Amino acid sequence: MPEPRDHEILVKIACASLCHSDVMLFEPNDQGLVLGQNPVTIGHEASGTVVSTGSGEAASKFKKGDNVGFLCAVECCFDCTPCRTVHNAWCVTGKTKMQGFTLDGYFAEYAVVDARSAMTLPEGCM
């Protein structure tokens, strides 16, 4: 079971999708990501229920039992202009990784996600 760091939440995955981006991992692609060469658990789109939270400010906005949706970007700042207006992949830190591509994704029972990329879902949306 993964443990959330200060800025993360541990989520029990309720549903995850398989989309075109995931399927591309089964064939050579321009990103050099091919399953088997750099094995990861796929799935970069999911939702679930908060199981536990880290102790940081962002994580403290969530509580056990919250239904959440989230982005797959991690290790980015979430604050620079590219993170806010274009895509986290272009973060000025140059450190962004995407769960389901370069890190384990959401075709798993549990996953830790960055609380700064998560939102509580309205009742009945999961």
Protein backbone atom coordinates (compact mmCIF):
# COMPACT_ATOMS: atom_id res chain seq x y z
CA MET A 1 0.00 0.00 0.00
CA PRO A 2 1.56 3.32 -0.98
CA GLU A 3 2.04 5.96 1.72
CA PRO A 4 1.16 9.60 0.95
CA ARG A 5 3.86 12.22 1.38
CA ASP A 6 2.93 15.59 2.96
CA HIS A 7 1.41 16.99 -0.26
CA GLU A 8 -0.35 13.79 -1.35
CA ILE A 9 -3.55 11.87 -0.72
CA LEU A 10 -4.00 8.10 -0.81
CA VAL A 11 -6.96 7.18 -3.00
CA LYS A 12 -8.81 3.87 -3.32
CA ILE A 13 -9.44 3.80 -7.05
CA ALA A 14 -13.12 3.40 -7.94
CA CYS A 15 -12.80 3.61 -11.71
CA ALA A 16 -10.06 4.15 -14.26
CA SER A 17 -10.35 4.51 -18.00
CA LEU A 18 -8.38 3.07 -20.88
CA CYS A 19 -7.93 5.75 -23.52
CA HIS A 20 -6.00 6.22 -26.74
CA SER A 21 -2.94 7.54 -24.87
CA ASP A 22 -2.75 4.30 -22.87
CA VAL A 23 -3.08 2.14 -25.99
CA MET A 24 -0.14 3.99 -27.60
CA LEU A 25 2.13 2.46 -24.93
CA PHE A 26 1.76 -0.91 -26.65
CA GLU A 27 3.54 0.36 -29.80
CA PRO A 28 6.68 2.43 -30.38
CA ASN A 29 5.89 6.14 -30.07
CA ASP A 30 7.62 9.52 -30.26
CA GLN A 31 7.98 9.66 -26.47
CA GLY A 32 10.03 6.48 -26.32
CA LEU A 33 7.57 4.95 -23.86
CA VAL A 34 6.89 1.31 -24.57
CA LEU A 35 5.57 -1.16 -22.02
CA GLY A 36 8.15 -3.82 -21.31
CA GLN A 37 11.08 -1.45 -21.82
CA ASN A 38 10.01 0.80 -18.98
CA PRO A 39 7.23 -1.16 -17.25
CA VAL A 40 4.61 0.82 -15.35
CA THR A 41 1.03 0.27 -14.29
CA ILE A 42 -0.96 2.14 -16.93
CA GLY A 43 -3.98 4.38 -16.46
CA HIS A 44 -3.81 8.16 -16.20
CA GLU A 45 -7.52 8.96 -15.80
CA ALA A 46 -9.34 7.86 -12.65
CA SER A 47 -11.43 8.79 -9.66
CA GLY A 48 -11.76 7.32 -6.22
CA THR A 49 -12.21 7.80 -2.50
CA VAL A 50 -9.70 9.34 -0.10
CA VAL A 51 -8.29 6.77 2.32
CA SER A 52 -5.70 8.96 4.04
CA THR A 53 -3.87 12.24 3.58
CA GLY A 54 -0.42 13.65 4.05
CA SER A 55 0.07 16.35 6.67
CA GLY A 56 0.70 19.27 4.31
CA GLU A 57 -1.59 22.23 3.64
CA ALA A 58 -2.85 20.99 0.25
CA ALA A 59 -3.61 17.50 1.57
CA SER A 60 -5.39 18.85 4.65
CA LYS A 61 -8.19 20.16 2.39
CA PHE A 62 -9.36 16.55 1.98
CA LYS A 63 -10.79 14.09 4.48
CA LYS A 64 -11.21 10.35 4.55
CA GLY A 65 -14.23 9.34 2.48
CA ASP A 66 -14.13 12.28 0.04
CA ASN A 67 -14.80 11.26 -3.55
CA VAL A 68 -12.10 12.84 -5.72
CA GLY A 69 -10.94 13.29 -9.27
CA PHE A 70 -7.34 14.27 -10.07
CA LEU A 71 -4.73 14.93 -12.73
CA CYS A 72 -1.89 12.51 -13.42
CA ALA A 73 0.86 15.15 -13.23
CA VAL A 74 3.28 14.91 -10.31
CA GLU A 75 6.54 16.62 -9.33
CA CYS A 76 5.52 19.91 -10.95
CA CYS A 77 4.93 23.23 -9.20
CA PHE A 78 1.23 23.72 -10.14
CA ASP A 79 1.90 27.47 -9.85
CA CYS A 80 3.91 28.65 -12.89
CA THR A 81 2.19 30.03 -15.99
CA PRO A 82 2.50 26.78 -17.98
CA CYS A 83 1.06 24.74 -15.07
CA ARG A 84 -1.86 27.14 -14.73
CA THR A 85 -2.63 27.91 -18.37
CA VAL A 86 -1.11 25.34 -20.74
CA HIS A 87 -0.25 21.91 -19.28
CA ASN A 88 1.72 20.66 -16.29
CA ALA A 89 4.05 18.85 -18.70
CA TRP A 90 5.55 22.27 -19.51
CA CYS A 91 6.23 23.22 -15.87
CA VAL A 92 9.25 25.53 -15.53
CA THR A 93 10.85 23.09 -13.08
CA GLY A 94 11.32 20.54 -15.87
CA LYS A 95 10.63 17.76 -13.35
CA THR A 96 7.06 16.80 -14.24
CA LYS A 97 6.24 13.10 -14.46
CA MET A 98 2.92 11.60 -15.50
CA GLN A 99 1.39 8.73 -13.57
CA GLY A 100 0.45 5.95 -15.97
CA PHE A 101 3.32 6.77 -18.32
CA THR A 102 6.62 7.27 -16.50
CA LEU A 103 5.31 6.38 -13.03
CA ASP A 104 2.76 3.78 -11.96
CA GLY A 105 -0.77 4.81 -12.82
CA TYR A 106 -4.32 4.09 -11.77
CA PHE A 107 -5.04 0.53 -12.90
CA ALA A 108 -4.38 -0.39 -9.32
CA GLU A 109 -6.43 -0.72 -6.15
CA TYR A 110 -4.75 2.29 -4.50
CA ALA A 111 -2.69 5.25 -5.72
CA VAL A 112 -1.13 8.32 -4.20
CA VAL A 113 -1.87 11.55 -6.04
CA ASP A 114 -0.74 15.12 -5.57
CA ALA A 115 -3.43 16.89 -3.54
CA ARG A 116 -2.81 20.09 -5.52
CA SER A 117 -4.20 18.33 -8.61
CA ALA A 118 -7.25 16.85 -6.91
CA MET A 119 -10.80 18.07 -6.45
CA THR A 120 -13.72 16.84 -4.41
CA LEU A 121 -16.44 15.55 -6.71
CA PRO A 122 -20.08 16.57 -6.30
CA GLU A 123 -22.45 14.01 -4.79
CA GLY A 124 -23.41 11.27 -7.25
CA CYS A 125 -20.59 11.99 -9.72
CA MET A 126 -18.55 8.88 -9.16
